[in-house]
Protein backbone atom coordinates (compact mmCIF):
# COMPACT_ATOMS: atom_id res chain seq x y z
CA MET A 1 0.00 0.00 0.00
CA ALA A 2 2.85 2.37 0.82
CA LEU A 3 4.27 1.90 -2.68
CA VAL A 4 0.87 2.67 -4.23
CA ILE A 5 0.63 5.88 -2.20
CA PHE A 6 4.15 6.90 -3.25
CA LEU A 7 3.41 6.27 -6.94
CA TYR A 8 0.14 8.15 -6.60
CA GLY A 9 2.07 11.05 -5.08
CA LEU A 10 4.44 11.03 -8.07
CA ALA A 11 1.46 11.24 -10.45
CA VAL A 12 -0.08 14.09 -8.44
CA GLY A 13 3.30 15.83 -8.46
CA SER A 14 3.28 15.68 -12.26
CA PHE A 15 -0.09 17.46 -12.29
CA LEU A 16 1.17 20.02 -9.76
CA ASN A 17 3.95 20.88 -12.21
CA VAL A 18 1.30 21.60 -14.83
CA LEU A 19 -0.41 24.00 -12.42
CA ILE A 20 2.87 25.67 -11.44
CA PHE A 21 3.92 26.33 -15.03
CA ARG A 22 0.55 27.10 -16.61
CA LEU A 23 -1.48 29.05 -14.04
CA PRO A 24 0.78 32.16 -13.97
CA LYS A 25 0.61 32.29 -17.78
CA ASN A 26 -3.19 31.83 -17.85
CA LYS A 27 -2.80 28.75 -20.03
CA SER A 28 -5.36 25.99 -20.25
CA LEU A 29 -4.81 23.11 -17.84
CA PHE A 30 -6.03 20.64 -20.46
CA GLY A 31 -4.34 19.25 -23.53
CA PHE A 32 -0.86 17.92 -24.24
CA SER A 33 2.23 19.61 -22.95
CA LYS A 34 4.59 21.03 -25.57
CA CYS A 35 8.29 21.74 -25.67
CA PRO A 36 8.68 25.54 -25.30
CA LEU A 37 11.37 25.57 -28.02
CA CYS A 38 10.40 23.15 -30.80
CA ARG A 39 6.66 23.14 -29.88
CA LYS A 40 6.45 19.37 -30.36
CA LYS A 41 3.79 17.62 -28.30
CA ILE A 42 5.20 15.59 -25.43
CA ALA A 43 3.89 12.04 -25.83
CA TRP A 44 2.81 9.98 -22.82
CA PRO A 45 6.01 7.86 -22.69
CA ASP A 46 7.93 11.09 -22.12
CA ASN A 47 5.56 12.16 -19.34
CA ILE A 48 6.14 9.33 -16.89
CA PRO A 49 7.01 10.97 -13.55
CA VAL A 50 10.75 10.97 -12.77
CA LEU A 51 11.55 8.02 -15.07
CA SER A 52 11.07 9.98 -18.30
CA PHE A 53 13.41 12.69 -17.03
CA ILE A 54 16.06 10.05 -16.30
CA PHE A 55 15.66 8.17 -19.59
CA LEU A 56 15.73 11.40 -21.62
CA LYS A 57 18.71 12.63 -19.60
CA GLY A 58 16.86 15.81 -18.76
CA ARG A 59 16.38 16.93 -22.38
CA CYS A 60 13.60 17.17 -24.95
CA ARG A 61 13.49 14.10 -27.18
CA HIS A 62 13.25 16.23 -30.34
CA CYS A 63 15.35 19.39 -29.93
CA ARG A 64 17.43 18.41 -26.87
CA LEU A 65 16.37 21.48 -24.91
CA LYS A 66 17.19 21.07 -21.23
CA ILE A 67 14.21 20.17 -19.03
CA SER A 68 13.94 21.99 -15.70
CA TYR A 69 14.96 19.96 -12.66
CA GLN A 70 11.81 21.29 -11.05
CA TYR A 71 9.79 18.57 -12.75
CA PRO A 72 11.37 15.52 -11.07
CA LEU A 73 11.99 17.37 -7.80
CA VAL A 74 8.33 18.34 -7.41
CA GLU A 75 7.24 14.82 -8.34
CA LEU A 76 9.61 13.24 -5.82
CA ALA A 77 8.66 15.75 -3.12
CA ALA A 78 4.96 14.99 -3.64
CA GLY A 79 5.63 11.25 -3.65
CA PHE A 80 7.57 11.26 -0.39
CA LEU A 81 5.21 13.72 1.31
CA PHE A 82 2.18 11.65 0.35
CA LEU A 83 3.91 8.58 1.78
CA LEU A 84 4.86 10.33 5.02
CA PHE A 85 1.37 11.73 5.52
CA PHE A 86 -0.12 8.29 4.83
CA LEU A 87 2.11 6.68 7.45
CA ALA A 88 1.27 9.42 9.96
CA TYR A 89 -2.50 9.71 9.46
CA LYS A 90 -3.77 6.50 7.85
CA GLU A 91 -6.02 5.88 10.87
CA ASN A 92 -8.00 9.02 10.02
CA PRO A 93 -8.74 8.77 6.26
CA ALA A 94 -10.76 12.00 6.05
CA PHE A 95 -8.00 14.06 7.64
CA LEU A 96 -5.41 12.27 5.49
CA ILE A 97 -7.24 13.33 2.31
CA TYR A 98 -7.56 16.88 3.63
CA ALA A 99 -3.87 17.00 4.59
CA LEU A 100 -2.85 15.77 1.13
CA PHE A 101 -5.05 18.43 -0.45
CA LEU A 102 -3.46 21.14 1.70
CA THR A 103 0.03 19.87 0.94
CA SER A 104 -0.61 19.82 -2.81
CA LEU A 105 -2.15 23.29 -2.71
CA LEU A 106 0.75 24.71 -0.71
CA ILE A 107 3.36 23.17 -3.02
CA VAL A 108 1.76 24.93 -6.00
CA ILE A 109 1.36 28.26 -4.19
CA ALA A 110 4.90 28.13 -2.80
CA LEU A 111 6.59 27.41 -6.11
CA ILE A 112 4.55 29.93 -8.08
CA ASP A 113 5.57 32.53 -5.52
CA PHE A 114 9.19 31.35 -5.75
CA ARG A 115 9.19 31.70 -9.55
CA HIS A 116 7.02 34.79 -9.99
CA PHE A 117 6.65 36.51 -6.58
CA VAL A 118 2.88 36.23 -6.82
CA ILE A 119 0.31 34.20 -4.87
CA PRO A 120 -2.72 33.16 -6.97
CA GLY A 121 -5.85 34.33 -5.19
CA LYS A 122 -7.96 31.62 -6.84
CA LEU A 123 -5.88 28.88 -5.22
CA VAL A 124 -6.18 30.47 -1.78
CA LEU A 125 -9.94 30.83 -2.29
CA ALA A 126 -10.17 27.14 -3.22
CA GLY A 127 -8.30 26.33 -0.02
CA PHE A 128 -10.72 28.44 2.02
CA LEU A 129 -13.76 26.69 0.50
CA VAL A 130 -12.44 23.16 1.05
CA SER A 131 -11.29 24.00 4.59
CA PHE A 132 -14.68 25.54 5.41
CA LEU A 133 -16.48 22.39 4.23
CA TYR A 134 -14.09 20.12 6.13
CA LEU A 135 -14.60 22.12 9.32
CA LEU A 136 -18.37 22.10 8.75
CA PHE A 137 -18.42 18.30 8.46
CA ILE A 138 -16.38 17.99 11.67
CA ASP A 139 -18.67 20.45 13.44
CA TYR A 140 -21.69 18.27 12.56
CA HIS A 141 -19.79 15.09 13.57
CA LEU A 142 -19.91 13.70 10.05
CA LEU A 143 -16.15 13.01 10.13
CA LEU A 144 -13.65 11.83 12.72
CA PRO A 145 -12.26 14.69 14.84
CA ALA A 146 -9.16 16.31 13.38
CA PRO A 147 -5.82 16.23 15.22
CA ASP A 148 -4.93 19.17 17.44
CA LEU A 149 -2.62 20.41 14.69
CA ILE A 150 -5.50 22.20 12.97
CA SER A 151 -8.54 24.13 14.10
CA SER A 152 -11.58 22.13 15.17
CA SER A 153 -14.07 25.00 15.48
CA PHE A 154 -15.15 28.04 13.48
CA LYS A 155 -14.43 30.26 16.48
CA ASP A 156 -10.81 29.11 16.66
CA SER A 157 -10.47 29.42 12.88
CA LEU A 158 -11.72 33.01 12.91
CA PHE A 159 -9.33 33.87 15.75
CA GLY A 160 -6.50 32.28 13.77
CA LEU A 161 -7.46 34.13 10.60
CA THR A 162 -7.55 37.53 12.30
CA SER A 163 -4.44 36.99 14.43
CA PHE A 164 -2.05 35.50 11.86
CA GLY A 165 -3.44 37.55 9.00
CA GLY A 166 -3.50 40.64 11.22
CA ILE A 167 0.16 40.30 12.18
CA LEU A 168 1.28 40.05 8.56
CA TRP A 169 -1.07 42.85 7.54
CA LEU A 170 0.59 45.03 10.18
CA LEU A 171 4.04 44.08 8.84
CA PHE A 172 2.77 44.84 5.34
CA LEU A 173 1.78 48.34 6.45
CA ILE A 174 5.03 48.95 8.33
CA THR A 175 7.21 47.90 5.39
CA LYS A 176 4.88 49.63 2.91
CA GLY A 177 4.71 46.44 0.87
CA LYS A 178 8.48 46.15 0.46
CA GLY A 179 9.05 43.32 2.91
CA LEU A 180 5.79 41.47 2.31
CA GLY A 181 3.22 41.41 -0.47
CA PHE A 182 -0.51 41.56 0.15
CA GLY A 183 -0.72 38.01 -1.22
CA ASP A 184 1.38 36.91 1.78
CA VAL A 185 -1.23 38.52 4.07
CA ILE A 186 -4.04 36.61 2.34
CA LEU A 187 -2.11 33.34 2.52
CA ALA A 188 -1.36 33.89 6.22
CA SER A 189 -5.06 34.56 6.85
CA PHE A 190 -5.92 31.28 5.14
CA LEU A 191 -3.33 29.36 7.18
CA GLY A 192 -4.62 31.00 10.35
CA PHE A 193 -8.11 29.79 9.45
CA VAL A 194 -6.81 26.26 8.89
CA PHE A 195 -4.58 25.92 11.95
CA GLY A 196 -6.39 28.09 14.49
CA ALA A 197 -5.11 30.76 16.86
CA ARG A 198 -2.73 28.79 19.08
CA ASN A 199 -1.11 26.83 16.27
CA SER A 200 -0.77 30.02 14.23
CA ILE A 201 1.70 31.28 16.83
CA ASP A 202 3.86 28.22 16.20
CA LEU A 203 3.45 28.72 12.47
CA PHE A 204 4.48 32.36 12.80
CA TYR A 205 7.73 31.48 14.60
CA LEU A 206 8.48 28.58 12.27
CA SER A 207 7.89 30.75 9.19
CA PHE A 208 10.27 33.45 10.30
CA PHE A 209 12.85 30.86 11.36
CA ILE A 210 12.75 29.30 7.89
CA GLY A 211 12.86 32.78 6.35
CA PHE A 212 15.95 33.56 8.45
CA ILE A 213 17.68 30.36 7.30
CA TRP A 214 16.72 31.14 3.69
CA GLY A 215 18.24 34.60 4.01
CA ILE A 216 21.47 33.22 5.46
CA ILE A 217 21.76 30.74 2.57
CA ILE A 218 21.18 33.52 0.00
CA LEU A 219 23.81 35.73 1.61
CA ALA A 220 26.32 32.89 2.04
CA SER A 221 25.94 31.83 -1.59
CA LYS A 222 26.40 35.47 -2.67
CA LYS A 223 23.28 35.22 -4.83
CA GLY A 224 21.61 38.12 -3.08
CA SER A 225 21.95 40.90 -0.53
CA LEU A 226 20.09 42.21 2.51
CA LYS A 227 17.78 44.01 0.08
CA SER A 228 16.91 40.85 -1.88
CA LYS A 229 13.25 39.88 -1.95
CA ILE A 230 12.26 36.65 -0.22
CA PRO A 231 9.31 34.68 -1.62
CA PHE A 232 7.46 34.58 1.69
CA GLY A 233 4.72 32.43 0.20
CA LEU A 234 7.37 29.72 -0.20
CA VAL A 235 8.38 30.18 3.43
CA LEU A 236 4.78 30.05 4.69
CA GLY A 237 4.02 26.99 2.57
CA ALA A 238 7.10 25.12 3.79
CA ALA A 239 6.36 26.01 7.43
CA ALA A 240 2.73 24.87 7.12
CA ILE A 241 3.68 21.51 5.58
CA ILE A 242 6.37 20.89 8.21
CA PHE A 243 3.99 21.77 11.03
CA LEU A 244 1.18 19.69 9.55
CA LEU A 245 3.47 16.68 9.33
CA THR A 246 5.45 16.99 12.56
CA GLY A 247 3.54 19.31 14.87
CA PHE A 248 6.85 20.99 15.71
CA SER A 249 6.17 23.65 18.35
CA PHE A 250 8.41 26.54 19.35
CA LEU A 251 6.07 27.18 22.27
CA ASN A 252 6.94 23.80 23.73
CA LEU A 253 10.63 24.66 23.47
CA ILE A 254 10.13 27.66 25.74
CA ASP A 255 7.77 25.92 28.13
CA PHE A 256 9.13 26.53 31.63
CA GLU A 257 8.31 23.10 33.04
CA LEU A 258 9.86 21.43 30.03
CA ILE A 259 13.06 23.44 30.52
CA LEU A 260 13.22 22.35 34.18
CA ARG A 261 12.86 18.70 33.18
CA LEU A 262 15.72 19.11 30.74
């Protein structure tokens, strides 16, 4: 079963690549993919996740144009994440499906922001709608209760939305849009709705920690400066996936009783 889930994740990753490349260009999500140089249609044998990239040695079969490493990396990331989430939450199928949806959505949002510094509002809206329905089903006891990692009530979700979204909105105003984009505020509001007020605090710390590490890497590699823009949607997406999978809490690290026990 684990192998099936991994292979399914690879296939979903292939579709996520379609969304990442086509949505910012307002291209149709249907129809065959084409090589951007020779415009030849990519046949199904050349679209097998990961394997086609290896067999073709990372180049178009017809014109030998280099294929972006993003394709196999996204497919592998989706495959392994699907497997990890399955192993962690297989006892709660409804939450597992919801977690896989969130993970897929955040991968697309994060990489579009990384490539274009824009967060598609339609994707965030889709996330809001699905999350609202999931919370509604839990509220009416139609599904198994969700883990404490996410909100389990509309009250908590609204507190999370206003607190996490409010903090980033305040930062947006302070930096006058130079440090954060308004899309980051909308994404943070969505994540606050999903995770609730208390977990949003953990997500806030984790996001800025990842952002700090990202900045250090950029500076150390000399590929940017202190004025370089950081795709904060990528940071938020990574933090949300990590928290959803591990429940890592900075608040627990500073818990006084825990420190005494250590």
